[in-house]
PDB file of N, CA and C in Angstrom:
ATOM      1  N   GLN A   1      15.571  -3.341  15.872  1.00  0.00           N
ATOM      2  CA  GLN A   1      17.200  -3.616  15.949  1.00  0.00           C
ATOM      3  C   GLN A   1      18.213  -3.117  17.024  1.00  0.00           C
ATOM      4  N   TRP A   2      17.440  -1.978  16.876  1.00  0.00           N
ATOM      5  CA  TRP A   2      18.430  -0.773  17.419  1.00  0.00           C
ATOM      6  C   TRP A   2      19.033  -1.754  18.759  1.00  0.00           C
ATOM      7  N   GLN A   3      17.881  -1.464  19.463  1.00  0.00           N
ATOM      8  CA  GLN A   3      17.834  -2.151  21.044  1.00  0.00           C
ATOM      9  C   GLN A   3      18.810  -3.061  21.093  1.00  0.00           C
ATOM     10  N   GLU A   4      18.632  -4.128  20.182  1.00  0.00           N
ATOM     11  CA  GLU A   4      19.424  -5.461  20.268  1.00  0.00           C
ATOM     12  C   GLU A   4      21.015  -4.917  19.961  1.00  0.00           C
ATOM     13  N   LEU A   5      21.093  -4.291  18.915  1.00  0.00           N
ATOM     14  CA  LEU A   5      22.662  -4.023  19.026  1.00  0.00           C
ATOM     15  C   LEU A   5      23.267  -3.139  19.584  1.00  0.00           C
ATOM     16  N   PHE A   6      22.609  -1.685  20.018  1.00  0.00           N
ATOM     17  CA  PHE A   6      23.539  -0.689  20.558  1.00  0.00           C
ATOM     18  C   PHE A   6      23.117  -0.784  21.898  1.00  0.00           C
ATOM     19  N   TYR A   7      22.230  -1.017  21.978  1.00  0.00           N
ATOM     20  CA  TYR A   7      21.385  -0.732  23.784  1.00  0.00           C
ATOM     21  C   TYR A   7      21.414  -2.011  24.939  1.00  0.00           C
ATOM     22  N   LYS A   8      22.345  -2.948  24.555  1.00  0.00           N
ATOM     23  CA  LYS A   8      21.699  -3.755  25.688  1.00  0.00           C
ATOM     24  C   LYS A   8      20.823  -4.646  25.444  1.00  0.00           C
ATOM     25  N   LYS A   9      20.112  -4.695  24.840  1.00  0.00           N
ATOM     26  CA  LYS A   9      18.776  -5.761  24.366  1.00  0.00           C
ATOM     27  C   LYS A   9      17.643  -4.855  25.527  1.00  0.00           C
ATOM     28  N   ARG A  10      18.035  -3.338  25.891  1.00  0.00           N
ATOM     29  CA  ARG A  10      16.731  -2.685  26.859  1.00  0.00           C
ATOM     30  C   ARG A  10      15.839  -2.292  25.792  1.00  0.00           C
ATOM     31  N   TYR A  11      14.707  -3.183  25.370  1.00  0.00           N
ATOM     32  CA  TYR A  11      13.488  -2.765  24.855  1.00  0.00           C
ATOM     33  C   TYR A  11      12.581  -1.840  25.294  1.00  0.00           C
ATOM     34  N   SER A  12      12.097  -0.910  24.783  1.00  0.00           N
ATOM     35  CA  SER A  12      11.261   0.313  25.106  1.00  0.00           C
ATOM     36  C   SER A  12       9.739   0.526  24.356  1.00  0.00           C
ATOM     37  N   ALA A  13       9.138  -0.029  24.254  1.00  0.00           N
ATOM     38  CA  ALA A  13       7.670   0.555  23.790  1.00  0.00           C
ATOM     39  C   ALA A  13       8.183  -0.041  22.231  1.00  0.00           C
ATOM     40  N   VAL A  14       8.214  -1.388  21.195  1.00  0.00           N
ATOM     41  CA  VAL A  14       8.468  -1.384  20.166  1.00  0.00           C
ATOM     42  C   VAL A  14       7.967  -2.427  20.375  1.00  0.00           C
ATOM     43  N   ASP A  15       6.948  -3.219  20.996  1.00  0.00           N
ATOM     44  CA  ASP A  15       6.877  -4.849  20.401  1.00  0.00           C
ATOM     45  C   ASP A  15       5.018  -4.282  20.603  1.00  0.00           C
ATOM     46  N   LEU A  16       4.785  -4.355  19.056  1.00  0.00           N
ATOM     47  CA  LEU A  16       2.874  -4.573  18.392  1.00  0.00           C
ATOM     48  C   LEU A  16       2.341  -5.176  19.323  1.00  0.00           C
ATOM     49  N   GLY A  17       3.432  -6.171  19.541  1.00  0.00           N
ATOM     50  CA  GLY A  17       2.146  -7.484  19.754  1.00  0.00           C
ATOM     51  C   GLY A  17       1.059  -7.880  18.989  1.00  0.00           C
ATOM     52  N   ASN A  18      -0.034  -7.923  19.628  1.00  0.00           N
ATOM     53  CA  ASN A  18      -1.494  -8.530  18.241  1.00  0.00           C
ATOM     54  C   ASN A  18      -1.940  -6.524  17.609  1.00  0.00           C
ATOM     55  N   SER A  19      -0.611  -6.582  16.400  1.00  0.00           N
ATOM     56  CA  SER A  19      -1.067  -5.280  15.593  1.00  0.00           C
ATOM     57  C   SER A  19      -2.646  -5.174  14.840  1.00  0.00           C
ATOM     58  N   PRO A  20      -3.219  -4.324  14.591  1.00  0.00           N
ATOM     59  CA  PRO A  20      -3.717  -4.390  13.614  1.00  0.00           C
ATOM     60  C   PRO A  20      -3.812  -4.991  12.445  1.00  0.00           C
ATOM     61  N   ASP A  21      -5.251  -5.693  11.969  1.00  0.00           N
ATOM     62  CA  ASP A  21      -5.208  -5.613  10.634  1.00  0.00           C
ATOM     63  C   ASP A  21      -4.649  -4.758   9.151  1.00  0.00           C
ATOM     64  N   PHE A  22      -3.621  -4.496   9.203  1.00  0.00           N
ATOM     65  CA  PHE A  22      -2.996  -3.343   8.200  1.00  0.00           C
ATOM     66  C   PHE A  22      -3.815  -3.315   7.045  1.00  0.00           C
ATOM     67  N   VAL A  23      -4.385  -4.540   6.175  1.00  0.00           N
ATOM     68  CA  VAL A  23      -4.866  -4.881   5.059  1.00  0.00           C
ATOM     69  C   VAL A  23      -6.221  -4.000   5.530  1.00  0.00           C
ATOM     70  N   LYS A  24      -7.163  -4.613   6.024  1.00  0.00           N
ATOM     71  CA  LYS A  24      -8.206  -4.417   6.712  1.00  0.00           C
ATOM     72  C   LYS A  24      -8.690  -2.829   6.974  1.00  0.00           C
ATOM     73  N   LEU A  25      -7.223  -2.400   7.641  1.00  0.00           N
ATOM     74  CA  LEU A  25      -7.609  -1.018   7.922  1.00  0.00           C
ATOM     75  C   LEU A  25      -7.583  -0.150   6.923  1.00  0.00           C
ATOM     76  N   ALA A  26      -6.374  -0.524   5.399  1.00  0.00           N
ATOM     77  CA  ALA A  26      -6.353  -0.093   4.405  1.00  0.00           C
ATOM     78  C   ALA A  26      -7.658   0.558   3.410  1.00  0.00           C
ATOM     79  N   GLU A  27      -8.298  -0.946   3.915  1.00  0.00           N
ATOM     80  CA  GLU A  27      -9.509  -1.148   2.722  1.00  0.00           C
ATOM     81  C   GLU A  27     -10.652  -0.152   3.168  1.00  0.00           C
ATOM     82  N   ALA A  28     -10.580  -0.128   4.738  1.00  0.00           N
ATOM     83  CA  ALA A  28     -11.650   1.010   5.529  1.00  0.00           C
ATOM     84  C   ALA A  28     -11.427   2.085   4.771  1.00  0.00           C
ATOM     85  N   TYR A  29     -10.299   2.482   4.320  1.00  0.00           N
ATOM     86  CA  TYR A  29     -10.694   4.117   4.037  1.00  0.00           C
ATOM     87  C   TYR A  29     -10.115   3.784   2.588  1.00  0.00           C
ATOM     88  N   GLY A  30     -10.683   2.960   1.836  1.00  0.00           N
ATOM     89  CA  GLY A  30     -10.827   3.495   0.298  1.00  0.00           C
ATOM     90  C   GLY A  30      -9.717   2.487   0.027  1.00  0.00           C
ATOM     91  N   ALA A  31      -8.408   2.319   0.396  1.00  0.00           N
ATOM     92  CA  ALA A  31      -7.360   2.211  -0.401  1.00  0.00           C
ATOM     93  C   ALA A  31      -7.178   0.402  -0.500  1.00  0.00           C
ATOM     94  N   GLN A  32      -6.573  -0.064  -1.275  1.00  0.00           N
ATOM     95  CA  GLN A  32      -6.094  -1.215  -1.137  1.00  0.00           C
ATOM     96  C   GLN A  32      -5.003  -2.202  -0.303  1.00  0.00           C
ATOM     97  N   GLY A  33      -5.114  -3.147   0.134  1.00  0.00           N
ATOM     98  CA  GLY A  33      -4.162  -3.695   0.974  1.00  0.00           C
ATOM     99  C   GLY A  33      -4.290  -4.877   0.549  1.00  0.00           C
ATOM    100  N   ILE A  34      -2.745  -5.342   1.093  1.00  0.00           N
ATOM    101  CA  ILE A  34      -1.889  -6.584   0.481  1.00  0.00           C
ATOM    102  C   ILE A  34      -0.990  -6.888   1.577  1.00  0.00           C
ATOM    103  N   ARG A  35      -1.234  -8.531   1.669  1.00  0.00           N
ATOM    104  CA  ARG A  35      -0.262  -8.693   3.533  1.00  0.00           C
ATOM    105  C   ARG A  35       0.801  -9.317   2.174  1.00  0.00           C
ATOM    106  N   VAL A  36       1.938  -9.491   2.578  1.00  0.00           N
ATOM    107  CA  VAL A  36       3.059 -10.281   2.179  1.00  0.00           C
ATOM    108  C   VAL A  36       3.982 -11.025   3.148  1.00  0.00           C
ATOM    109  N   GLU A  37       3.741 -12.304   3.057  1.00  0.00           N
ATOM    110  CA  GLU A  37       4.475 -13.054   3.834  1.00  0.00           C
ATOM    111  C   GLU A  37       6.317 -13.673   3.482  1.00  0.00           C
ATOM    112  N   LYS A  38       6.283 -14.030   2.094  1.00  0.00           N
ATOM    113  CA  LYS A  38       7.414 -13.948   1.731  1.00  0.00           C
ATOM    114  C   LYS A  38       8.201 -12.691   0.931  1.00  0.00           C
ATOM    115  N   PRO A  39       9.933 -13.196   1.306  1.00  0.00           N
ATOM    116  CA  PRO A  39       9.900 -12.198   0.170  1.00  0.00           C
ATOM    117  C   PRO A  39      10.064 -12.187  -0.971  1.00  0.00           C
ATOM    118  N   ASP A  40      10.293 -13.674  -1.633  1.00  0.00           N
ATOM    119  CA  ASP A  40       9.648 -13.527  -2.781  1.00  0.00           C
ATOM    120  C   ASP A  40       8.558 -12.797  -3.130  1.00  0.00           C
ATOM    121  N   GLU A  41       6.883 -12.290  -2.409  1.00  0.00           N
ATOM    122  CA  GLU A  41       5.887 -11.771  -3.103  1.00  0.00           C
ATOM    123  C   GLU A  41       6.068 -10.127  -2.854  1.00  0.00           C
ATOM    124  N   ILE A  42       7.438  -9.785  -2.549  1.00  0.00           N
ATOM    125  CA  ILE A  42       7.212  -8.341  -2.576  1.00  0.00           C
ATOM    126  C   ILE A  42       7.102  -7.790  -3.970  1.00  0.00           C
ATOM    127  N   ALA A  43       8.254  -8.485  -4.876  1.00  0.00           N
ATOM    128  CA  ALA A  43       7.718  -7.571  -6.235  1.00  0.00           C
ATOM    129  C   ALA A  43       6.372  -7.645  -6.801  1.00  0.00           C
ATOM    130  N   PRO A  44       5.708  -8.726  -6.766  1.00  0.00           N
ATOM    131  CA  PRO A  44       4.018  -8.822  -7.639  1.00  0.00           C
ATOM    132  C   PRO A  44       3.786  -8.059  -6.881  1.00  0.00           C
ATOM    133  N   ALA A  45       3.833  -7.840  -5.505  1.00  0.00           N
ATOM    134  CA  ALA A  45       2.624  -7.175  -4.388  1.00  0.00           C
ATOM    135  C   ALA A  45       2.520  -5.397  -4.834  1.00  0.00           C
ATOM    136  N   VAL A  46       3.891  -4.903  -5.192  1.00  0.00           N
ATOM    137  CA  VAL A  46       4.306  -3.889  -5.332  1.00  0.00           C
ATOM    138  C   VAL A  46       3.942  -3.292  -6.981  1.00  0.00           C
ATOM    139  N   LYS A  47       4.026  -4.384  -8.212  1.00  0.00           N
ATOM    140  CA  LYS A  47       3.682  -3.968  -9.440  1.00  0.00           C
ATOM    141  C   LYS A  47       2.025  -3.964  -9.404  1.00  0.00           C
ATOM    142  N   LYS A  48       1.407  -4.816  -8.432  1.00  0.00           N
ATOM    143  CA  LYS A  48       0.159  -4.767  -8.147  1.00  0.00           C
ATOM    144  C   LYS A  48      -0.333  -3.472  -7.548  1.00  0.00           C
ATOM    145  N   ALA A  49       0.287  -2.852  -6.872  1.00  0.00           N
ATOM    146  CA  ALA A  49       0.070  -1.664  -6.459  1.00  0.00           C
ATOM    147  C   ALA A  49       0.205  -0.668  -7.412  1.00  0.00           C
ATOM    148  N   PHE A  50       1.135  -0.715  -7.851  1.00  0.00           N
ATOM    149  CA  PHE A  50       1.347   0.604  -8.874  1.00  0.00           C
ATOM    150  C   PHE A  50      -0.185   0.269 -10.072  1.00  0.00           C
ATOM    151  N   LYS A  51      -0.321  -0.753 -10.551  1.00  0.00           N
ATOM    152  CA  LYS A  51      -1.352  -1.479 -11.292  1.00  0.00           C
ATOM    153  C   LYS A  51      -2.634  -0.776 -11.042  1.00  0.00           C
ATOM    154  N   SER A  52      -2.795  -0.931  -9.614  1.00  0.00           N
ATOM    155  CA  SER A  52      -4.117  -0.788  -8.895  1.00  0.00           C
ATOM    156  C   SER A  52      -4.592   0.410  -9.489  1.00  0.00           C
ATOM    157  N   GLY A  53      -3.850   2.145  -9.507  1.00  0.00           N
ATOM    158  CA  GLY A  53      -3.708   3.417  -9.688  1.00  0.00           C
ATOM    159  C   GLY A  53      -4.525   3.885  -8.018  1.00  0.00           C
ATOM    160  N   LYS A  54      -4.125   3.285  -7.068  1.00  0.00           N
ATOM    161  CA  LYS A  54      -4.954   3.835  -6.386  1.00  0.00           C
ATOM    162  C   LYS A  54      -3.971   3.467  -4.789  1.00  0.00           C
ATOM    163  N   PRO A  55      -4.136   4.470  -3.798  1.00  0.00           N
ATOM    164  CA  PRO A  55      -3.286   4.137  -2.593  1.00  0.00           C
ATOM    165  C   PRO A  55      -3.256   2.851  -2.176  1.00  0.00           C
ATOM    166  N   THR A  56      -2.215   2.114  -1.464  1.00  0.00           N
ATOM    167  CA  THR A  56      -1.780   1.401  -1.335  1.00  0.00           C
ATOM    168  C   THR A  56      -1.287   0.884  -0.354  1.00  0.00           C
ATOM    169  N   VAL A  57      -1.577  -0.122   0.525  1.00  0.00           N
ATOM    170  CA  VAL A  57      -0.655  -0.012   2.074  1.00  0.00           C
ATOM    171  C   VAL A  57      -0.032  -1.672   1.616  1.00  0.00           C
ATOM    172  N   ILE A  58       1.042  -1.899   1.843  1.00  0.00           N
ATOM    173  CA  ILE A  58       1.464  -3.490   1.427  1.00  0.00           C
ATOM    174  C   ILE A  58       2.099  -3.427   3.154  1.00  0.00           C
ATOM    175  N   ASP A  59       1.185  -4.833   3.552  1.00  0.00           N
ATOM    176  CA  ASP A  59       1.730  -5.433   4.918  1.00  0.00           C
ATOM    177  C   ASP A  59       2.641  -6.258   4.532  1.00  0.00           C
ATOM    178  N   VAL A  60       4.319  -6.018   5.041  1.00  0.00           N
ATOM    179  CA  VAL A  60       5.163  -7.121   4.967  1.00  0.00           C
ATOM    180  C   VAL A  60       5.205  -7.508   6.646  1.00  0.00           C
ATOM    181  N   SER A  61       5.120  -9.250   6.423  1.00  0.00           N
ATOM    182  CA  SER A  61       5.300  -9.378   7.985  1.00  0.00           C
ATOM    183  C   SER A  61       7.189  -9.981   7.703  1.00  0.00           C
ATOM    184  N   VAL A  62       7.315  -9.724   9.219  1.00  0.00           N
ATOM    185  CA  VAL A  62       9.076  -9.898   9.555  1.00  0.00           C
ATOM    186  C   VAL A  62       9.507 -10.472  10.926  1.00  0.00           C
ATOM    187  N   ASP A  63      10.110 -11.754  10.576  1.00  0.00           N
ATOM    188  CA  ASP A  63      10.238 -12.387  11.712  1.00  0.00           C
ATOM    189  C   ASP A  63      10.311 -11.150  12.516  1.00  0.00           C
ATOM    190  N   HIS A  64       9.583 -11.866  14.179  1.00  0.00           N
ATOM    191  CA  HIS A  64      10.360 -10.900  15.160  1.00  0.00           C
ATOM    192  C   HIS A  64      12.031 -10.366  15.848  1.00  0.00           C
ATOM    193  N   GLU A  65      12.315 -11.837  15.538  1.00  0.00           N
ATOM    194  CA  GLU A  65      13.769 -11.826  15.310  1.00  0.00           C
ATOM    195  C   GLU A  65      14.799 -11.371  14.521  1.00  0.00           C
ATOM    196  N   ALA A  66      14.076 -11.140  12.960  1.00  0.00           N
ATOM    197  CA  ALA A  66      15.359 -10.573  12.196  1.00  0.00           C
ATOM    198  C   ALA A  66      15.704  -9.347  11.944  1.00  0.00           C
ATOM    199  N   ASN A  67      16.933  -9.152  12.208  1.00  0.00           N
ATOM    200  CA  ASN A  67      17.896  -7.478  11.670  1.00  0.00           C
ATOM    201  C   ASN A  67      17.511  -7.350  10.224  1.00  0.00           C
ATOM    202  N   ILE A  68      16.913  -6.284   9.638  1.00  0.00           N
ATOM    203  CA  ILE A  68      16.712  -5.459   8.448  1.00  0.00           C
ATOM    204  C   ILE A  68      17.958  -4.606   8.138  1.00  0.00           C
ATOM    205  N   PHE A  69      18.682  -5.179   7.356  1.00  0.00           N
ATOM    206  CA  PHE A  69      19.969  -3.943   6.654  1.00  0.00           C
ATOM    207  C   PHE A  69      19.500  -3.511   5.567  1.00  0.00           C
ATOM    208  N   PRO A  70      20.431  -2.480   5.178  1.00  0.00           N
ATOM    209  CA  PRO A  70      20.874  -1.757   5.682  1.00  0.00           C
ATOM    210  C   PRO A  70      20.238  -1.022   6.784  1.00  0.00           C
ATOM    211  N   MET A  71      21.341  -0.697   7.509  1.00  0.00           N
ATOM    212  CA  MET A  71      20.264   0.574   8.625  1.00  0.00           C
ATOM    213  C   MET A  71      21.515   1.132   8.773  1.00  0.00           C
ATOM    214  N   VAL A  72      21.432   2.200   9.390  1.00  0.00           N
ATOM    215  CA  VAL A  72      22.411   3.766   9.657  1.00  0.00           C
ATOM    216  C   VAL A  72      22.419   3.424  11.238  1.00  0.00           C
ATOM    217  N   PRO A  73      23.376   3.511  12.115  1.00  0.00           N
ATOM    218  CA  PRO A  73      23.855   3.245  13.628  1.00  0.00           C
ATOM    219  C   PRO A  73      23.164   4.505  14.429  1.00  0.00           C
ATOM    220  N   PRO A  74      22.372   4.481  15.424  1.00  0.00           N
ATOM    221  CA  PRO A  74      22.092   5.898  15.628  1.00  0.00           C
ATOM    222  C   PRO A  74      23.400   7.131  15.873  1.00  0.00           C
ATOM    223  N   GLY A  75      22.615   8.186  16.371  1.00  0.00           N
ATOM    224  CA  GLY A  75      23.353   9.131  15.960  1.00  0.00           C
ATOM    225  C   GLY A  75      24.420   9.479  14.723  1.00  0.00           C
ATOM    226  N   LYS A  76      24.488   8.325  13.804  1.00  0.00           N
ATOM    227  CA  LYS A  76      25.316   8.391  13.235  1.00  0.00           C
ATOM    228  C   LYS A  76      25.103   9.068  11.636  1.00  0.00           C
ATOM    229  N   CYS A  77      25.777   9.110  10.581  1.00  0.00           N
ATOM    230  CA  CYS A  77      25.359   9.655   9.024  1.00  0.00           C
ATOM    231  C   CYS A  77      25.448   8.401   8.317  1.00  0.00           C
ATOM    232  N   LEU A  78      24.850   8.688   7.092  1.00  0.00           N
ATOM    233  CA  LEU A  78      24.341   7.801   5.975  1.00  0.00           C
ATOM    234  C   LEU A  78      25.336   7.083   5.624  1.00  0.00           C
ATOM    235  N   LYS A  79      26.722   7.778   5.546  1.00  0.00           N
ATOM    236  CA  LYS A  79      28.480   7.141   5.261  1.00  0.00           C
ATOM    237  C   LYS A  79      28.632   6.249   6.195  1.00  0.00           C
ATOM    238  N   ASP A  80      28.171   6.141   7.763  1.00  0.00           N
ATOM    239  CA  ASP A  80      27.978   4.988   8.646  1.00  0.00           C
ATOM    240  C   ASP A  80      27.238   3.867   8.635  1.00  0.00           C
ATOM    241  N   ILE A  81      26.479   3.402   7.083  1.00  0.00           N
ATOM    242  CA  ILE A  81      25.604   2.900   7.339  1.00  0.00           C
ATOM    243  C   ILE A  81      25.962   1.580   7.549  1.00  0.00           C
ATOM    244  N   ILE A  82      25.499   0.204   8.002  1.00  0.00           N
ATOM    245  CA  ILE A  82      25.985  -0.884   8.480  1.00  0.00           C
ATOM    246  C   ILE A  82      25.231  -1.768   7.547  1.00  0.00           C
ATOM    247  N   GLU A  83      25.667  -2.487   6.627  1.00  0.00           N
ATOM    248  CA  GLU A  83      24.632  -3.414   5.384  1.00  0.00           C
ATOM    249  C   GLU A  83      25.008  -5.071   5.954  1.00  0.00           C
ATOM    250  N   GLY A  84      25.094  -5.451   6.922  1.00  0.00           N
ATOM    251  CA  GLY A  84      24.937  -6.732   7.850  1.00  0.00           C
ATOM    252  C   GLY A  84      25.621  -7.301   8.064  1.00  0.00           C
TER     253      GLY A  84
END
């Protein structure tokens, strides 16, 4: 989102395209993997992670065009945070 908001949409090395299956990758290393598709699935996934007592990767799907807030603009301090 920095590229969109601050760098005139000059995208560079940011689109993972077909990224790895992080759930399977976590499981391959003996960790728990959880995939989250919707915001209301996040809290239960975090609870499940803590309950498991083992390392957990939570793979959260985010729309490619979504902007995530709050964020700190490039070169700025936390006091300059943008809340959306």
